[in-house]
Amino acid sequence: MANNPQSPNGNQDPSGSTQMFRAFVDEGARQPQASTGSSGGSRVGVIVGVIAAVVIVAAVAWLALG
């Protein structure tokens, strides 16, 4: 089956238009800039989680060997 940019009723598929694609790309380019302010909080959470995991592993190892 061929992948035609037009639908069976003859109307052009709007998702196939270059203008719609450019708007999609521009929208995606703006999104990371808006979310960079919240990435600092998620980094802190990841760091705290890693430290907590290391402490728990160390405590289990200490109890297992002690």
PDB file of N, CA and C in Angstrom:
ATOM      1  N   MET A   1       0.855  -1.171   0.000  1.00  0.00           N
ATOM      2  CA  MET A   1       0.000   0.000   0.000  1.00  0.00           C
ATOM      3  C   MET A   1       0.903   1.237   0.000  1.00  0.00           C
ATOM      4  N   ALA A   2       0.662   2.162  -0.891  1.00  0.00           N
ATOM      5  CA  ALA A   2       1.467   3.375  -1.000  1.00  0.00           C
ATOM      6  C   ALA A   2       1.116   4.349   0.116  1.00  0.00           C
ATOM      7  N   ASN A   3       2.094   5.089   0.565  1.00  0.00           N
ATOM      8  CA  ASN A   3       1.893   6.080   1.621  1.00  0.00           C
ATOM      9  C   ASN A   3       1.715   7.445   0.968  1.00  0.00           C
ATOM     10  N   ASN A   4       0.500   7.770   0.585  1.00  0.00           N
ATOM     11  CA  ASN A   4       0.201   9.029  -0.088  1.00  0.00           C
ATOM     12  C   ASN A   4      -0.079  10.127   0.928  1.00  0.00           C
ATOM     13  N   PRO A   5       0.378  11.359   0.643  1.00  0.00           N
ATOM     14  CA  PRO A   5       0.089  12.454   1.562  1.00  0.00           C
ATOM     15  C   PRO A   5      -1.352  12.929   1.485  1.00  0.00           C
ATOM     16  N   GLN A   6      -2.148  12.392   0.548  1.00  0.00           N
ATOM     17  CA  GLN A   6      -3.540  12.794   0.435  1.00  0.00           C
ATOM     18  C   GLN A   6      -4.443  11.679   0.932  1.00  0.00           C
ATOM     19  N   SER A   7      -5.530  12.064   1.557  1.00  0.00           N
ATOM     20  CA  SER A   7      -6.487  11.079   2.050  1.00  0.00           C
ATOM     21  C   SER A   7      -7.337  10.571   0.897  1.00  0.00           C
ATOM     22  N   PRO A   8      -8.067   9.466   1.079  1.00  0.00           N
ATOM     23  CA  PRO A   8      -8.862   8.898  -0.019  1.00  0.00           C
ATOM     24  C   PRO A   8      -9.917   9.846  -0.584  1.00  0.00           C
ATOM     25  N   ASN A   9     -10.455  10.780   0.190  1.00  0.00           N
ATOM     26  CA  ASN A   9     -11.492  11.664  -0.326  1.00  0.00           C
ATOM     27  C   ASN A   9     -10.940  12.857  -1.091  1.00  0.00           C
ATOM     28  N   GLY A  10      -9.630  12.941  -1.282  1.00  0.00           N
ATOM     29  CA  GLY A  10      -9.029  13.993  -2.085  1.00  0.00           C
ATOM     30  C   GLY A  10      -8.550  15.201  -1.298  1.00  0.00           C
ATOM     31  N   ASN A  11      -8.878  15.292  -0.020  1.00  0.00           N
ATOM     32  CA  ASN A  11      -8.401  16.415   0.779  1.00  0.00           C
ATOM     33  C   ASN A  11      -6.949  16.176   1.189  1.00  0.00           C
ATOM     34  N   GLN A  12      -6.186  17.259   1.237  1.00  0.00           N
ATOM     35  CA  GLN A  12      -4.787  17.122   1.621  1.00  0.00           C
ATOM     36  C   GLN A  12      -4.683  16.878   3.120  1.00  0.00           C
ATOM     37  N   ASP A  13      -3.805  15.979   3.497  1.00  0.00           N
ATOM     38  CA  ASP A  13      -3.570  15.653   4.899  1.00  0.00           C
ATOM     39  C   ASP A  13      -2.795  16.802   5.546  1.00  0.00           C
ATOM     40  N   PRO A  14      -3.337  17.480   6.559  1.00  0.00           N
ATOM     41  CA  PRO A  14      -2.614  18.611   7.159  1.00  0.00           C
ATOM     42  C   PRO A  14      -1.337  18.201   7.872  1.00  0.00           C
ATOM     43  N   SER A  15      -1.236  16.947   8.313  1.00  0.00           N
ATOM     44  CA  SER A  15      -0.012  16.524   8.999  1.00  0.00           C
ATOM     45  C   SER A  15       1.147  16.378   8.026  1.00  0.00           C
ATOM     46  N   GLY A  16       0.858  16.334   6.739  1.00  0.00           N
ATOM     47  CA  GLY A  16       1.908  16.203   5.744  1.00  0.00           C
ATOM     48  C   GLY A  16       2.424  17.532   5.241  1.00  0.00           C
ATOM     49  N   SER A  17       1.882  18.635   5.713  1.00  0.00           N
ATOM     50  CA  SER A  17       2.306  19.925   5.189  1.00  0.00           C
ATOM     51  C   SER A  17       3.598  20.402   5.846  1.00  0.00           C
ATOM     52  N   THR A  18       4.402  21.073   5.086  1.00  0.00           N
ATOM     53  CA  THR A  18       5.677  21.577   5.582  1.00  0.00           C
ATOM     54  C   THR A  18       5.463  22.619   6.668  1.00  0.00           C
ATOM     55  N   GLN A  19       4.450  23.437   6.513  1.00  0.00           N
ATOM     56  CA  GLN A  19       4.173  24.475   7.507  1.00  0.00           C
ATOM     57  C   GLN A  19       3.835  23.861   8.855  1.00  0.00           C
ATOM     58  N   MET A  20       3.038  22.798   8.862  1.00  0.00           N
ATOM     59  CA  MET A  20       2.688  22.131  10.120  1.00  0.00           C
ATOM     60  C   MET A  20       3.919  21.489  10.743  1.00  0.00           C
ATOM     61  N   PHE A  21       4.796  20.910   9.909  1.00  0.00           N
ATOM     62  CA  PHE A  21       6.006  20.292  10.430  1.00  0.00           C
ATOM     63  C   PHE A  21       6.921  21.341  11.052  1.00  0.00           C
ATOM     64  N   ARG A  22       7.068  22.471  10.401  1.00  0.00           N
ATOM     65  CA  ARG A  22       7.914  23.538  10.952  1.00  0.00           C
ATOM     66  C   ARG A  22       7.352  24.058  12.268  1.00  0.00           C
ATOM     67  N   ALA A  23       6.041  24.171  12.361  1.00  0.00           N
ATOM     68  CA  ALA A  23       5.433  24.601  13.617  1.00  0.00           C
ATOM     69  C   ALA A  23       5.697  23.569  14.711  1.00  0.00           C
ATOM     70  N   PHE A  24       5.646  22.291  14.372  1.00  0.00           N
ATOM     71  CA  PHE A  24       5.937  21.227  15.331  1.00  0.00           C
ATOM     72  C   PHE A  24       7.383  21.308  15.806  1.00  0.00           C
ATOM     73  N   VAL A  25       8.314  21.525  14.873  1.00  0.00           N
ATOM     74  CA  VAL A  25       9.728  21.609  15.239  1.00  0.00           C
ATOM     75  C   VAL A  25       9.979  22.833  16.098  1.00  0.00           C
ATOM     76  N   ASP A  26       9.380  23.968  15.730  1.00  0.00           N
ATOM     77  CA  ASP A  26       9.560  25.183  16.522  1.00  0.00           C
ATOM     78  C   ASP A  26       8.990  25.015  17.922  1.00  0.00           C
ATOM     79  N   GLU A  27       7.871  24.325  18.046  1.00  0.00           N
ATOM     80  CA  GLU A  27       7.269  24.091  19.351  1.00  0.00           C
ATOM     81  C   GLU A  27       8.171  23.213  20.208  1.00  0.00           C
ATOM     82  N   GLY A  28       8.810  22.221  19.613  1.00  0.00           N
ATOM     83  CA  GLY A  28       9.724  21.346  20.341  1.00  0.00           C
ATOM     84  C   GLY A  28      10.999  22.070  20.751  1.00  0.00           C
ATOM     85  N   ALA A  29      11.434  23.047  19.953  1.00  0.00           N
ATOM     86  CA  ALA A  29      12.651  23.780  20.279  1.00  0.00           C
ATOM     87  C   ALA A  29      12.433  24.714  21.462  1.00  0.00           C
ATOM     88  N   ARG A  30      11.207  25.210  21.624  1.00  0.00           N
ATOM     89  CA  ARG A  30      10.920  26.116  22.740  1.00  0.00           C
ATOM     90  C   ARG A  30      10.721  25.372  24.056  1.00  0.00           C
ATOM     91  N   GLN A  31      10.320  24.130  24.004  1.00  0.00           N
ATOM     92  CA  GLN A  31       9.976  23.387  25.210  1.00  0.00           C
ATOM     93  C   GLN A  31      11.170  23.184  26.160  1.00  0.00           C
ATOM     94  N   PRO A  32      12.366  22.757  25.701  1.00  0.00           N
ATOM     95  CA  PRO A  32      13.458  22.553  26.655  1.00  0.00           C
ATOM     96  C   PRO A  32      13.870  23.830  27.372  1.00  0.00           C
ATOM     97  N   GLN A  33      13.754  24.982  26.715  1.00  0.00           N
ATOM     98  CA  GLN A  33      14.120  26.228  27.356  1.00  0.00           C
ATOM     99  C   GLN A  33      13.196  26.537  28.524  1.00  0.00           C
ATOM    100  N   ALA A  34      11.929  26.208  28.386  1.00  0.00           N
ATOM    101  CA  ALA A  34      10.970  26.478  29.447  1.00  0.00           C
ATOM    102  C   ALA A  34      11.152  25.523  30.619  1.00  0.00           C
ATOM    103  N   SER A  35      11.667  24.327  30.378  1.00  0.00           N
ATOM    104  CA  SER A  35      11.797  23.347  31.448  1.00  0.00           C
ATOM    105  C   SER A  35      13.168  23.356  32.117  1.00  0.00           C
ATOM    106  N   THR A  36      14.109  24.197  31.676  1.00  0.00           N
ATOM    107  CA  THR A  36      15.439  24.194  32.280  1.00  0.00           C
ATOM    108  C   THR A  36      15.405  24.705  33.713  1.00  0.00           C
ATOM    109  N   GLY A  37      14.439  25.512  34.071  1.00  0.00           N
ATOM    110  CA  GLY A  37      14.348  26.006  35.437  1.00  0.00           C
ATOM    111  C   GLY A  37      13.986  24.913  36.424  1.00  0.00           C
ATOM    112  N   SER A  38      13.239  23.918  36.014  1.00  0.00           N
ATOM    113  CA  SER A  38      12.831  22.859  36.925  1.00  0.00           C
ATOM    114  C   SER A  38      13.819  21.706  36.960  1.00  0.00           C
ATOM    115  N   SER A  39      14.804  21.674  36.066  1.00  0.00           N
ATOM    116  CA  SER A  39      15.735  20.555  36.045  1.00  0.00           C
ATOM    117  C   SER A  39      16.671  20.581  37.242  1.00  0.00           C
ATOM    118  N   GLY A  40      16.896  21.747  37.842  1.00  0.00           N
ATOM    119  CA  GLY A  40      17.743  21.817  39.024  1.00  0.00           C
ATOM    120  C   GLY A  40      17.140  21.073  40.190  1.00  0.00           C
ATOM    121  N   GLY A  41      15.829  21.147  40.343  1.00  0.00           N
ATOM    122  CA  GLY A  41      15.164  20.443  41.429  1.00  0.00           C
ATOM    123  C   GLY A  41      15.202  18.944  41.239  1.00  0.00           C
ATOM    124  N   SER A  42      15.092  18.487  39.998  1.00  0.00           N
ATOM    125  CA  SER A  42      15.132  17.046  39.758  1.00  0.00           C
ATOM    126  C   SER A  42      16.538  16.504  39.958  1.00  0.00           C
ATOM    127  N   ARG A  43      17.552  17.294  39.679  1.00  0.00           N
ATOM    128  CA  ARG A  43      18.929  16.858  39.918  1.00  0.00           C
ATOM    129  C   ARG A  43      19.181  16.675  41.402  1.00  0.00           C
ATOM    130  N   VAL A  44      18.655  17.579  42.196  1.00  0.00           N
ATOM    131  CA  VAL A  44      18.826  17.464  43.642  1.00  0.00           C
ATOM    132  C   VAL A  44      18.167  16.185  44.132  1.00  0.00           C
ATOM    133  N   GLY A  45      16.999  15.872  43.614  1.00  0.00           N
ATOM    134  CA  GLY A  45      16.303  14.649  44.000  1.00  0.00           C
ATOM    135  C   GLY A  45      17.083  13.407  43.621  1.00  0.00           C
ATOM    136  N   VAL A  46      17.686  13.412  42.439  1.00  0.00           N
ATOM    137  CA  VAL A  46      18.482  12.262  42.004  1.00  0.00           C
ATOM    138  C   VAL A  46      19.716  12.111  42.885  1.00  0.00           C
ATOM    139  N   ILE A  47      20.373  13.214  43.197  1.00  0.00           N
ATOM    140  CA  ILE A  47      21.563  13.161  44.043  1.00  0.00           C
ATOM    141  C   ILE A  47      21.216  12.635  45.427  1.00  0.00           C
ATOM    142  N   VAL A  48      20.125  13.131  46.000  1.00  0.00           N
ATOM    143  CA  VAL A  48      19.697  12.669  47.326  1.00  0.00           C
ATOM    144  C   VAL A  48      19.335  11.184  47.267  1.00  0.00           C
ATOM    145  N   GLY A  49      18.691  10.757  46.212  1.00  0.00           N
ATOM    146  CA  GLY A  49      18.342   9.343  46.060  1.00  0.00           C
ATOM    147  C   GLY A  49      19.560   8.450  45.964  1.00  0.00           C
ATOM    148  N   VAL A  50      20.561   8.883  45.219  1.00  0.00           N
ATOM    149  CA  VAL A  50      21.790   8.092  45.088  1.00  0.00           C
ATOM    150  C   VAL A  50      22.513   8.011  46.427  1.00  0.00           C
ATOM    151  N   ILE A  51      22.594   9.124  47.134  1.00  0.00           N
ATOM    152  CA  ILE A  51      23.253   9.119  48.447  1.00  0.00           C
ATOM    153  C   ILE A  51      22.499   8.204  49.409  1.00  0.00           C
ATOM    154  N   ALA A  52      21.182   8.261  49.408  1.00  0.00           N
ATOM    155  CA  ALA A  52      20.388   7.399  50.282  1.00  0.00           C
ATOM    156  C   ALA A  52      20.606   5.931  49.926  1.00  0.00           C
ATOM    157  N   ALA A  53      20.688   5.612  48.648  1.00  0.00           N
ATOM    158  CA  ALA A  53      20.919   4.226  48.233  1.00  0.00           C
ATOM    159  C   ALA A  53      22.285   3.732  48.691  1.00  0.00           C
ATOM    160  N   VAL A  54      23.298   4.584  48.599  1.00  0.00           N
ATOM    161  CA  VAL A  54      24.638   4.202  49.046  1.00  0.00           C
ATOM    162  C   VAL A  54      24.646   3.971  50.550  1.00  0.00           C
ATOM    163  N   VAL A  55      23.968   4.821  51.289  1.00  0.00           N
ATOM    164  CA  VAL A  55      23.913   4.668  52.748  1.00  0.00           C
ATOM    165  C   VAL A  55      23.191   3.375  53.116  1.00  0.00           C
ATOM    166  N   ILE A  56      22.114   3.061  52.436  1.00  0.00           N
ATOM    167  CA  ILE A  56      21.363   1.834  52.737  1.00  0.00           C
ATOM    168  C   ILE A  56      22.202   0.597  52.405  1.00  0.00           C
ATOM    169  N   VAL A  57      22.878   0.602  51.270  1.00  0.00           N
ATOM    170  CA  VAL A  57      23.727  -0.524  50.899  1.00  0.00           C
ATOM    171  C   VAL A  57      24.866  -0.692  51.912  1.00  0.00           C
ATOM    172  N   ALA A  58      25.455   0.423  52.328  1.00  0.00           N
ATOM    173  CA  ALA A  58      26.531   0.353  53.320  1.00  0.00           C
ATOM    174  C   ALA A  58      26.008  -0.185  54.655  1.00  0.00           C
ATOM    175  N   ALA A  59      24.825   0.218  55.069  1.00  0.00           N
ATOM    176  CA  ALA A  59      24.258  -0.272  56.333  1.00  0.00           C
ATOM    177  C   ALA A  59      23.947  -1.763  56.256  1.00  0.00           C
ATOM    178  N   VAL A  60      23.416  -2.229  55.136  1.00  0.00           N
ATOM    179  CA  VAL A  60      23.131  -3.657  54.972  1.00  0.00           C
ATOM    180  C   VAL A  60      24.435  -4.452  54.983  1.00  0.00           C
ATOM    181  N   ALA A  61      25.456  -3.964  54.292  1.00  0.00           N
ATOM    182  CA  ALA A  61      26.743  -4.657  54.266  1.00  0.00           C
ATOM    183  C   ALA A  61      27.350  -4.691  55.679  1.00  0.00           C
ATOM    184  N   TRP A  62      27.237  -3.612  56.410  1.00  0.00           N
ATOM    185  CA  TRP A  62      27.801  -3.545  57.773  1.00  0.00           C
ATOM    186  C   TRP A  62      27.077  -4.544  58.703  1.00  0.00           C
ATOM    187  N   LEU A  63      25.741  -4.605  58.552  1.00  0.00           N
ATOM    188  CA  LEU A  63      24.971  -5.560  59.369  1.00  0.00           C
ATOM    189  C   LEU A  63      25.271  -7.005  58.961  1.00  0.00           C
ATOM    190  N   ALA A  64      25.490  -7.258  57.692  1.00  0.00           N
ATOM    191  CA  ALA A  64      25.768  -8.618  57.223  1.00  0.00           C
ATOM    192  C   ALA A  64      27.149  -9.090  57.668  1.00  0.00           C
ATOM    193  N   LEU A  65      28.099  -8.190  57.725  1.00  0.00           N
ATOM    194  CA  LEU A  65      29.461  -8.560  58.113  1.00  0.00           C
ATOM    195  C   LEU A  65      29.657  -8.495  59.628  1.00  0.00           C
ATOM    196  N   GLY A  66      28.823  -7.772  60.339  1.00  0.00           N
ATOM    197  CA  GLY A  66      29.023  -7.560  61.764  1.00  0.00           C
ATOM    198  C   GLY A  66      28.420  -8.549  62.647  1.00  0.00           C
TER     199      GLY A  66
END
